Protein backbone atom coordinates (compact mmCIF):
# COMPACT_ATOMS: atom_id res chain seq x y z
CA UNK A 1 8.44 1.34 -7.74
CA UNK A 2 9.43 0.18 -4.30
CA UNK A 3 6.85 -0.77 -2.02
CA UNK A 4 6.98 -1.37 2.00
CA UNK A 5 4.17 -3.03 3.84
CA UNK A 6 5.03 -2.97 7.60
CA UNK A 7 2.59 -3.96 10.59
CA UNK A 8 3.24 -3.94 14.21
CA UNK A 9 4.24 -7.71 14.12
CA UNK A 10 5.91 -8.49 11.09
CA UNK A 11 7.19 -7.31 7.40
CA UNK A 12 4.06 -8.15 5.02
CA UNK A 13 5.43 -7.24 1.73
CA UNK A 14 8.51 -5.91 0.56
CA UNK A 15 9.33 -5.66 -3.30
CA UNK A 16 8.64 -3.62 -6.47
CA UNK A 17 5.36 -2.78 -7.88
CA UNK A 18 4.27 -0.92 -11.04
CA UNK A 19 0.74 0.10 -9.52
CA UNK A 20 -0.58 0.37 -5.88
CA UNK A 21 -4.16 0.89 -4.80
CA UNK A 22 -5.03 1.66 -1.16
CA UNK A 23 -8.14 2.32 0.50
CA UNK A 24 -7.78 5.95 1.63
CA UNK A 25 -10.09 7.48 4.48
CA UNK A 26 -11.99 9.31 1.52
CA UNK A 27 -11.93 6.71 -0.97
CA UNK A 28 -9.44 4.03 -2.49
CA UNK A 29 -6.85 5.78 -4.79
CA UNK A 30 -3.84 4.41 -7.21
CA UNK A 31 -0.41 5.63 -7.00
CA UNK A 32 1.67 4.83 -9.82
CA UNK A 33 5.50 5.85 -11.11
CA UNK A 34 6.42 9.55 -10.54
CA UNK A 35 3.09 10.07 -8.46
CA UNK A 36 3.27 13.49 -6.39
CA UNK A 37 4.63 12.99 -2.96
CA UNK A 38 1.68 12.24 -0.45
CA UNK A 39 0.81 11.15 3.05
CA UNK A 40 -2.52 9.84 3.83
CA UNK A 41 -4.67 7.71 6.37
CA UNK A 42 -5.93 4.27 5.33
CA UNK A 43 -8.99 2.61 6.22
CA UNK A 44 -9.72 -1.03 6.45
CA UNK A 45 -9.77 -2.57 3.05
CA UNK A 46 -7.75 -4.04 0.11
CA UNK A 47 -4.37 -3.24 -0.78
CA UNK A 48 -4.04 -3.98 -4.67
CA UNK A 49 -0.31 -4.60 -5.57
CA UNK A 50 0.26 -4.97 -9.19
CA UNK A 51 3.85 -5.53 -10.90
CA UNK A 52 3.47 -6.21 -14.66
CA UNK A 53 0.75 -9.12 -15.06
CA UNK A 54 0.83 -10.11 -11.60
CA UNK A 55 -1.68 -8.93 -8.92
CA UNK A 56 -1.27 -9.66 -4.83
CA UNK A 57 -4.29 -8.38 -2.66
CA UNK A 58 -3.70 -7.58 1.09
CA UNK A 59 -6.44 -6.87 3.37
CA UNK A 60 -5.57 -4.32 5.97
CA UNK A 61 -6.85 -2.96 9.30
CA UNK A 62 -6.28 0.86 8.68
CA UNK A 63 -3.09 2.65 8.52
CA UNK A 64 -0.88 5.22 6.81
CA UNK A 65 0.55 5.34 3.58
CA UNK A 66 3.30 7.62 2.15
CA UNK A 67 4.55 8.00 -1.28
CA UNK A 68 7.81 10.21 -2.07
CA UNK A 69 10.45 9.71 -4.92
CA UNK A 70 9.08 6.38 -6.24
CA UNK A 71 9.14 4.61 -2.67
CA UNK A 72 5.84 3.77 -1.10
CA UNK A 73 5.70 2.93 2.41
CA UNK A 74 2.36 1.72 4.26
CA UNK A 75 2.28 1.37 8.01
CA UNK A 76 -0.73 -1.02 8.50
CA UNK A 77 -2.27 -1.51 11.83
CA UNK A 78 -2.57 -5.01 10.59
CA UNK A 79 -3.52 -7.79 8.03
CA UNK A 80 -6.42 -9.56 7.77
CA UNK A 81 -5.58 -13.44 7.02
CA UNK A 82 -8.22 -14.89 4.79
């Protein structure tokens, strides 16, 4: 799947992923290949990006996610630098 994470001031991630876990407003959920089309608001929390054995964790401050046709776009209000 193609994943893009954008904040108002930068492109935080642009690449491929085999699974993406996002902090939905009613709880975290995971998006896998061929997931049904979805648009959801996001709360503050962790986005976990998996690509095979590799895992990247980004902490966001709210936003929106759209997944359609194996393309996932996250518009985040900001990234919390750890």
